[in-house]
Amino acid sequence: MTAATAIVATLALPGTGIAPAANAESNASAEAIAQLQKTESQQLEQTALAAAPVDASRAAFSATSAAEVRRIQLAAEAAARAAAWSGPRVTDFLANPPYPSFSLDQVVQVALQYQGVPYRYGGDTPAGFDCSGLVMYVYAQFGVALPHGVRGQAAMGTPISREDARPGDLVIFNDMSHNGIYMGGGQILDAPYPGKTVSVRPLWTDSYYIVRIGI
């Protein structure tokens, strides 16, 4: 009896779970495996003879990377902490600034109150800050509305020379990966990274510039 159908199919598998054999049968096989490992997944077309029905919904699928899963998890955790925060938020400060007269010296004093607050991805309250969330929260208390993001905050300011920098100005990293509040003497107050807290520390790189906001 001959077979009624012939199906050629593969399922999407993590590329990291396949290792090429030392005695691969052909260069084509080795190249296919290398490509699979590079892209972390494979997706091949599924075909069948007319006599065999095919569930098109299962023909192909893609996997979410571990980094994306972690990013989503951190964002959800930050949202949960923000929801639990019962104190004033950025929108509250902007509607009724406790310091209506802007002062760089006062910015420093307000920012110092948040030393010890843990870093939280996406955080913009004293329940947890990320770098730009801290800056946004501090400046909101002076009625200055800033976006939650390093690049957007950098665009809101006027670049100034390091010689003219004053405590309360913003330190912007050249690659837009980080920012914080300049404290003078080559120091920055910032929310560093997971596992750390808001603190004053020496600037550890020369790849930054200063912008001034609010004046």
C-alpha atoms as a PDB file:
ATOM      1  CA  MET A   1       0.000   0.000   0.000  1.00  0.00           C
ATOM      2  CA  THR A   2       1.338   3.425  -0.844  1.00  0.00           C
ATOM      3  CA  ALA A   3       1.175   6.358   1.579  1.00  0.00           C
ATOM      4  CA  ALA A   4      -1.840   8.606   1.109  1.00  0.00           C
ATOM      5  CA  THR A   5      -0.034  11.808   2.026  1.00  0.00           C
ATOM      6  CA  ALA A   6       3.397  13.284   2.287  1.00  0.00           C
ATOM      7  CA  ILE A   7       3.873  16.225   4.592  1.00  0.00           C
ATOM      8  CA  VAL A   8       6.973  18.315   4.908  1.00  0.00           C
ATOM      9  CA  ALA A   9       6.857  20.545   7.943  1.00  0.00           C
ATOM     10  CA  THR A  10       8.901  21.930  10.756  1.00  0.00           C
ATOM     11  CA  LEU A  11       7.873  23.578  13.967  1.00  0.00           C
ATOM     12  CA  ALA A  12       9.435  26.830  15.254  1.00  0.00           C
ATOM     13  CA  LEU A  13      12.180  25.855  17.685  1.00  0.00           C
ATOM     14  CA  PRO A  14      14.627  28.073  19.635  1.00  0.00           C
ATOM     15  CA  GLY A  15      17.803  28.390  17.610  1.00  0.00           C
ATOM     16  CA  THR A  16      19.937  28.110  20.704  1.00  0.00           C
ATOM     17  CA  GLY A  17      18.600  24.594  21.266  1.00  0.00           C
ATOM     18  CA  ILE A  18      20.202  23.231  18.059  1.00  0.00           C
ATOM     19  CA  ALA A  19      23.909  22.586  17.696  1.00  0.00           C
ATOM     20  CA  PRO A  20      25.418  21.644  14.310  1.00  0.00           C
ATOM     21  CA  ALA A  21      26.848  18.122  14.155  1.00  0.00           C
ATOM     22  CA  ALA A  22      30.575  17.834  13.750  1.00  0.00           C
ATOM     23  CA  ASN A  23      30.111  15.705  10.646  1.00  0.00           C
ATOM     24  CA  ALA A  24      27.328  17.718   8.983  1.00  0.00           C
ATOM     25  CA  GLU A  25      26.265  16.067   5.742  1.00  0.00           C
ATOM     26  CA  SER A  26      26.530  19.186   3.586  1.00  0.00           C
ATOM     27  CA  ASN A  27      27.430  22.851   3.627  1.00  0.00           C
ATOM     28  CA  ALA A  28      23.783  23.620   2.992  1.00  0.00           C
ATOM     29  CA  SER A  29      22.796  21.856   6.208  1.00  0.00           C
ATOM     30  CA  ALA A  30      25.479  23.656   8.190  1.00  0.00           C
ATOM     31  CA  GLU A  31      24.454  27.004   6.735  1.00  0.00           C
ATOM     32  CA  ALA A  32      20.809  26.345   7.542  1.00  0.00           C
ATOM     33  CA  ILE A  33      21.673  25.532  11.153  1.00  0.00           C
ATOM     34  CA  ALA A  34      23.892  28.604  11.429  1.00  0.00           C
ATOM     35  CA  GLN A  35      21.097  30.792  10.111  1.00  0.00           C
ATOM     36  CA  LEU A  36      18.687  29.203  12.575  1.00  0.00           C
ATOM     37  CA  GLN A  37      20.996  29.962  15.498  1.00  0.00           C
ATOM     38  CA  LYS A  38      21.499  33.524  14.297  1.00  0.00           C
ATOM     39  CA  THR A  39      17.795  34.351  14.101  1.00  0.00           C
ATOM     40  CA  GLU A  40      16.841  32.340  17.215  1.00  0.00           C
ATOM     41  CA  SER A  41      13.931  30.718  15.400  1.00  0.00           C
ATOM     42  CA  GLN A  42      13.007  29.110  12.156  1.00  0.00           C
ATOM     43  CA  GLN A  43       9.884  29.373  10.114  1.00  0.00           C
ATOM     44  CA  LEU A  44       9.290  27.061   7.141  1.00  0.00           C
ATOM     45  CA  GLU A  45       6.328  26.728   4.833  1.00  0.00           C
ATOM     46  CA  GLN A  46       4.069  23.773   5.475  1.00  0.00           C
ATOM     47  CA  THR A  47       2.712  21.944   2.429  1.00  0.00           C
ATOM     48  CA  ALA A  48       0.547  18.895   1.997  1.00  0.00           C
ATOM     49  CA  LEU A  49      -1.260  16.894  -0.655  1.00  0.00           C
ATOM     50  CA  ALA A  50      -4.837  17.901  -1.334  1.00  0.00           C
ATOM     51  CA  ALA A  51      -6.087  14.784   0.418  1.00  0.00           C
ATOM     52  CA  ALA A  52      -4.671  15.913   3.793  1.00  0.00           C
ATOM     53  CA  PRO A  53      -6.325  18.941   5.495  1.00  0.00           C
ATOM     54  CA  VAL A  54      -3.967  21.505   6.968  1.00  0.00           C
ATOM     55  CA  ASP A  55      -4.665  23.683   9.980  1.00  0.00           C
ATOM     56  CA  ALA A  56      -3.410  26.983   8.603  1.00  0.00           C
ATOM     57  CA  SER A  57      -3.480  28.592  12.045  1.00  0.00           C
ATOM     58  CA  ARG A  58      -0.621  26.320  13.115  1.00  0.00           C
ATOM     59  CA  ALA A  59       1.451  26.709   9.966  1.00  0.00           C
ATOM     60  CA  ALA A  60       3.869  29.172  11.552  1.00  0.00           C
ATOM     61  CA  PHE A  61       4.445  31.048  14.767  1.00  0.00           C
ATOM     62  CA  SER A  62       7.114  33.241  16.328  1.00  0.00           C
ATOM     63  CA  ALA A  63       8.579  33.285  19.831  1.00  0.00           C
ATOM     64  CA  THR A  64       8.928  36.284  22.148  1.00  0.00           C
ATOM     65  CA  SER A  65      12.521  36.889  23.167  1.00  0.00           C
ATOM     66  CA  ALA A  66      13.562  36.603  26.804  1.00  0.00           C
ATOM     67  CA  ALA A  67      14.563  40.285  26.792  1.00  0.00           C
ATOM     68  CA  GLU A  68      11.113  41.354  25.614  1.00  0.00           C
ATOM     69  CA  VAL A  69       9.413  39.159  28.208  1.00  0.00           C
ATOM     70  CA  ARG A  70      11.567  40.744  30.918  1.00  0.00           C
ATOM     71  CA  ARG A  71      10.822  44.257  29.646  1.00  0.00           C
ATOM     72  CA  ILE A  72       7.086  43.580  29.774  1.00  0.00           C
ATOM     73  CA  GLN A  73       7.411  42.091  33.264  1.00  0.00           C
ATOM     74  CA  LEU A  74       9.349  45.102  34.572  1.00  0.00           C
ATOM     75  CA  ALA A  75       6.854  47.519  33.060  1.00  0.00           C
ATOM     76  CA  ALA A  76       3.970  45.650  34.692  1.00  0.00           C
ATOM     77  CA  GLU A  77       5.743  45.697  38.059  1.00  0.00           C
ATOM     78  CA  ALA A  78       6.392  49.431  37.755  1.00  0.00           C
ATOM     79  CA  ALA A  79       2.742  50.051  36.873  1.00  0.00           C
ATOM     80  CA  ALA A  80       1.630  48.055  39.923  1.00  0.00           C
ATOM     81  CA  ARG A  81       3.904  50.046  42.235  1.00  0.00           C
ATOM     82  CA  ALA A  82       2.743  53.316  40.739  1.00  0.00           C
ATOM     83  CA  ALA A  83      -0.865  52.306  41.290  1.00  0.00           C
ATOM     84  CA  ALA A  84      -0.074  51.617  44.954  1.00  0.00           C
ATOM     85  CA  TRP A  85       1.530  55.056  45.452  1.00  0.00           C
ATOM     86  CA  SER A  86      -0.846  57.278  47.450  1.00  0.00           C
ATOM     87  CA  GLY A  87       1.243  60.459  47.395  1.00  0.00           C
ATOM     88  CA  PRO A  88       1.301  63.268  44.843  1.00  0.00           C
ATOM     89  CA  ARG A  89       2.091  62.478  41.236  1.00  0.00           C
ATOM     90  CA  VAL A  90       3.632  64.499  38.433  1.00  0.00           C
ATOM     91  CA  THR A  91       0.196  65.622  37.230  1.00  0.00           C
ATOM     92  CA  ASP A  92      -0.668  66.854  40.736  1.00  0.00           C
ATOM     93  CA  PHE A  93       2.499  68.955  40.916  1.00  0.00           C
ATOM     94  CA  LEU A  94       1.968  70.432  37.474  1.00  0.00           C
ATOM     95  CA  ALA A  95      -1.574  71.446  38.414  1.00  0.00           C
ATOM     96  CA  ASN A  96      -0.441  73.010  41.685  1.00  0.00           C
ATOM     97  CA  PRO A  97       3.356  73.415  41.928  1.00  0.00           C
ATOM     98  CA  PRO A  98       4.616  73.570  45.523  1.00  0.00           C
ATOM     99  CA  TYR A  99       7.520  75.726  44.263  1.00  0.00           C
ATOM    100  CA  PRO A 100       6.050  78.126  41.697  1.00  0.00           C
ATOM    101  CA  SER A 101       9.274  80.169  41.527  1.00  0.00           C
ATOM    102  CA  PHE A 102      11.951  78.176  39.722  1.00  0.00           C
ATOM    103  CA  SER A 103      15.357  77.990  41.393  1.00  0.00           C
ATOM    104  CA  LEU A 104      18.252  75.690  40.523  1.00  0.00           C
ATOM    105  CA  ASP A 105      19.368  75.762  44.145  1.00  0.00           C
ATOM    106  CA  GLN A 106      15.894  74.651  45.219  1.00  0.00           C
ATOM    107  CA  VAL A 107      15.911  71.903  42.570  1.00  0.00           C
ATOM    108  CA  VAL A 108      18.972  70.460  44.287  1.00  0.00           C
ATOM    109  CA  GLN A 109      17.343  70.536  47.705  1.00  0.00           C
ATOM    110  CA  VAL A 110      14.182  68.863  46.445  1.00  0.00           C
ATOM    111  CA  ALA A 111      16.135  66.194  44.556  1.00  0.00           C
ATOM    112  CA  LEU A 112      18.222  65.325  47.631  1.00  0.00           C
ATOM    113  CA  GLN A 113      15.037  64.296  49.455  1.00  0.00           C
ATOM    114  CA  TYR A 114      14.792  61.217  47.234  1.00  0.00           C
ATOM    115  CA  GLN A 115      18.145  59.679  48.088  1.00  0.00           C
ATOM    116  CA  GLY A 116      17.606  56.029  48.946  1.00  0.00           C
ATOM    117  CA  VAL A 117      14.564  55.555  46.695  1.00  0.00           C
ATOM    118  CA  PRO A 118      15.052  52.281  44.783  1.00  0.00           C
ATOM    119  CA  TYR A 119      15.518  52.170  41.048  1.00  0.00           C
ATOM    120  CA  ARG A 120      12.407  50.956  39.250  1.00  0.00           C
ATOM    121  CA  TYR A 121      12.085  50.591  35.491  1.00  0.00           C
ATOM    122  CA  GLY A 122       9.436  53.067  34.338  1.00  0.00           C
ATOM    123  CA  GLY A 123       9.153  54.512  37.856  1.00  0.00           C
ATOM    124  CA  ASP A 124       8.071  58.136  38.265  1.00  0.00           C
ATOM    125  CA  THR A 125       7.071  58.322  41.939  1.00  0.00           C
ATOM    126  CA  PRO A 126       8.949  57.901  45.233  1.00  0.00           C
ATOM    127  CA  ALA A 127       7.771  54.282  45.180  1.00  0.00           C
ATOM    128  CA  GLY A 128      10.581  53.839  42.649  1.00  0.00           C
ATOM    129  CA  PHE A 129      12.330  55.938  39.999  1.00  0.00           C
ATOM    130  CA  ASP A 130      14.158  55.347  36.796  1.00  0.00           C
ATOM    131  CA  CYS A 131      16.610  58.050  35.712  1.00  0.00           C
ATOM    132  CA  SER A 132      14.288  60.276  33.692  1.00  0.00           C
ATOM    133  CA  GLY A 133      11.364  59.550  36.016  1.00  0.00           C
ATOM    134  CA  LEU A 134      13.320  61.101  38.892  1.00  0.00           C
ATOM    135  CA  VAL A 135      14.147  64.203  36.850  1.00  0.00           C
ATOM    136  CA  MET A 136      10.539  64.539  35.704  1.00  0.00           C
ATOM    137  CA  TYR A 137       9.194  64.234  39.256  1.00  0.00           C
ATOM    138  CA  VAL A 138      11.596  66.815  40.694  1.00  0.00           C
ATOM    139  CA  TYR A 139      11.081  69.393  37.961  1.00  0.00           C
ATOM    140  CA  ALA A 140       7.289  68.963  38.051  1.00  0.00           C
ATOM    141  CA  GLN A 141       7.348  70.436  41.553  1.00  0.00           C
ATOM    142  CA  PHE A 142       8.422  73.704  39.945  1.00  0.00           C
ATOM    143  CA  GLY A 143       5.682  73.581  37.333  1.00  0.00           C
ATOM    144  CA  VAL A 144       8.060  72.366  34.624  1.00  0.00           C
ATOM    145  CA  ALA A 145       6.486  69.631  32.495  1.00  0.00           C
ATOM    146  CA  LEU A 146       9.027  67.184  31.088  1.00  0.00           C
ATOM    147  CA  PRO A 147       8.493  63.984  29.086  1.00  0.00           C
ATOM    148  CA  HIS A 148       9.417  60.655  30.616  1.00  0.00           C
ATOM    149  CA  GLY A 149      12.512  59.884  28.590  1.00  0.00           C
ATOM    150  CA  VAL A 150      16.128  61.011  28.357  1.00  0.00           C
ATOM    151  CA  ARG A 151      15.944  62.087  24.733  1.00  0.00           C
ATOM    152  CA  GLY A 152      12.798  64.148  25.239  1.00  0.00           C
ATOM    153  CA  GLN A 153      14.195  65.840  28.340  1.00  0.00           C
ATOM    154  CA  ALA A 154      17.424  66.657  26.530  1.00  0.00           C
ATOM    155  CA  ALA A 155      15.425  68.299  23.731  1.00  0.00           C
ATOM    156  CA  MET A 156      13.593  70.482  26.267  1.00  0.00           C
ATOM    157  CA  GLY A 157      16.804  72.047  27.559  1.00  0.00           C
ATOM    158  CA  THR A 158      19.408  74.490  26.310  1.00  0.00           C
ATOM    159  CA  PRO A 159      22.913  72.990  26.042  1.00  0.00           C
ATOM    160  CA  ILE A 160      25.486  74.921  28.059  1.00  0.00           C
ATOM    161  CA  SER A 161      29.207  74.546  28.605  1.00  0.00           C
ATOM    162  CA  ARG A 162      30.454  72.490  31.511  1.00  0.00           C
ATOM    163  CA  GLU A 163      32.177  75.594  32.827  1.00  0.00           C
ATOM    164  CA  ASP A 164      28.788  77.323  33.101  1.00  0.00           C
ATOM    165  CA  ALA A 165      27.014  74.329  34.661  1.00  0.00           C
ATOM    166  CA  ARG A 166      25.318  74.888  37.996  1.00  0.00           C
ATOM    167  CA  PRO A 167      23.890  72.384  40.487  1.00  0.00           C
ATOM    168  CA  GLY A 168      20.333  71.673  39.392  1.00  0.00           C
ATOM    169  CA  ASP A 169      21.150  71.504  35.678  1.00  0.00           C
ATOM    170  CA  LEU A 170      20.708  68.204  33.839  1.00  0.00           C
ATOM    171  CA  VAL A 171      23.466  65.793  32.889  1.00  0.00           C
ATOM    172  CA  ILE A 172      22.682  64.064  29.581  1.00  0.00           C
ATOM    173  CA  PHE A 173      24.748  61.108  28.421  1.00  0.00           C
ATOM    174  CA  ASN A 174      25.809  61.407  24.797  1.00  0.00           C
ATOM    175  CA  ASP A 175      24.159  58.123  23.784  1.00  0.00           C
ATOM    176  CA  MET A 176      20.881  59.110  25.480  1.00  0.00           C
ATOM    177  CA  SER A 177      21.095  56.064  27.735  1.00  0.00           C
ATOM    178  CA  HIS A 178      20.983  57.955  31.042  1.00  0.00           C
ATOM    179  CA  ASN A 179      20.578  61.305  32.735  1.00  0.00           C
ATOM    180  CA  GLY A 180      20.506  62.897  36.161  1.00  0.00           C
ATOM    181  CA  ILE A 181      20.776  66.148  38.078  1.00  0.00           C
ATOM    182  CA  TYR A 182      24.138  67.878  38.226  1.00  0.00           C
ATOM    183  CA  MET A 183      25.289  68.462  41.798  1.00  0.00           C
ATOM    184  CA  GLY A 184      28.499  70.391  41.143  1.00  0.00           C
ATOM    185  CA  GLY A 185      32.066  69.255  41.612  1.00  0.00           C
ATOM    186  CA  GLY A 186      31.763  66.607  38.899  1.00  0.00           C
ATOM    187  CA  GLN A 187      28.959  64.780  40.717  1.00  0.00           C
ATOM    188  CA  ILE A 188      25.503  63.635  39.687  1.00  0.00           C
ATOM    189  CA  LEU A 189      22.344  62.694  41.576  1.00  0.00           C
ATOM    190  CA  ASP A 190      20.627  59.915  39.669  1.00  0.00           C
ATOM    191  CA  ALA A 191      18.597  56.714  39.755  1.00  0.00           C
ATOM    192  CA  PRO A 192      21.321  54.338  38.537  1.00  0.00           C
ATOM    193  CA  TYR A 193      20.010  50.872  37.613  1.00  0.00           C
ATOM    194  CA  PRO A 194      18.135  47.876  39.107  1.00  0.00           C
ATOM    195  CA  GLY A 195      19.391  46.958  42.548  1.00  0.00           C
ATOM    196  CA  LYS A 196      20.620  50.494  43.293  1.00  0.00           C
ATOM    197  CA  THR A 197      19.007  53.544  44.839  1.00  0.00           C
ATOM    198  CA  VAL A 198      18.937  57.261  44.113  1.00  0.00           C
ATOM    199  CA  SER A 199      22.245  58.715  45.282  1.00  0.00           C
ATOM    200  CA  VAL A 200      24.898  61.352  44.698  1.00  0.00           C
ATOM    201  CA  ARG A 201      28.044  59.961  43.086  1.00  0.00           C
ATOM    202  CA  PRO A 202      30.981  61.096  40.932  1.00  0.00           C
ATOM    203  CA  LEU A 203      30.445  61.145  37.197  1.00  0.00           C
ATOM    204  CA  TRP A 204      32.222  58.072  35.842  1.00  0.00           C
ATOM    205  CA  THR A 205      32.423  59.041  32.170  1.00  0.00           C
ATOM    206  CA  ASP A 206      33.363  62.023  30.052  1.00  0.00           C
ATOM    207  CA  SER A 207      30.673  61.225  27.467  1.00  0.00           C
ATOM    208  CA  TYR A 208      28.019  63.660  28.620  1.00  0.00           C
ATOM    209  CA  TYR A 209      26.836  67.224  28.222  1.00  0.00           C
ATOM    210  CA  ILE A 210      24.823  69.684  30.304  1.00  0.00           C
ATOM    211  CA  VAL A 211      21.461  71.242  29.533  1.00  0.00           C
ATOM    212  CA  ARG A 212      19.575  73.887  31.448  1.00  0.00           C
ATOM    213  CA  ILE A 213      15.818  73.813  31.849  1.00  0.00           C
ATOM    214  CA  GLY A 214      13.480  76.265  33.482  1.00  0.00           C
ATOM    215  CA  ILE A 215      15.515  79.451  33.135  1.00  0.00           C
END
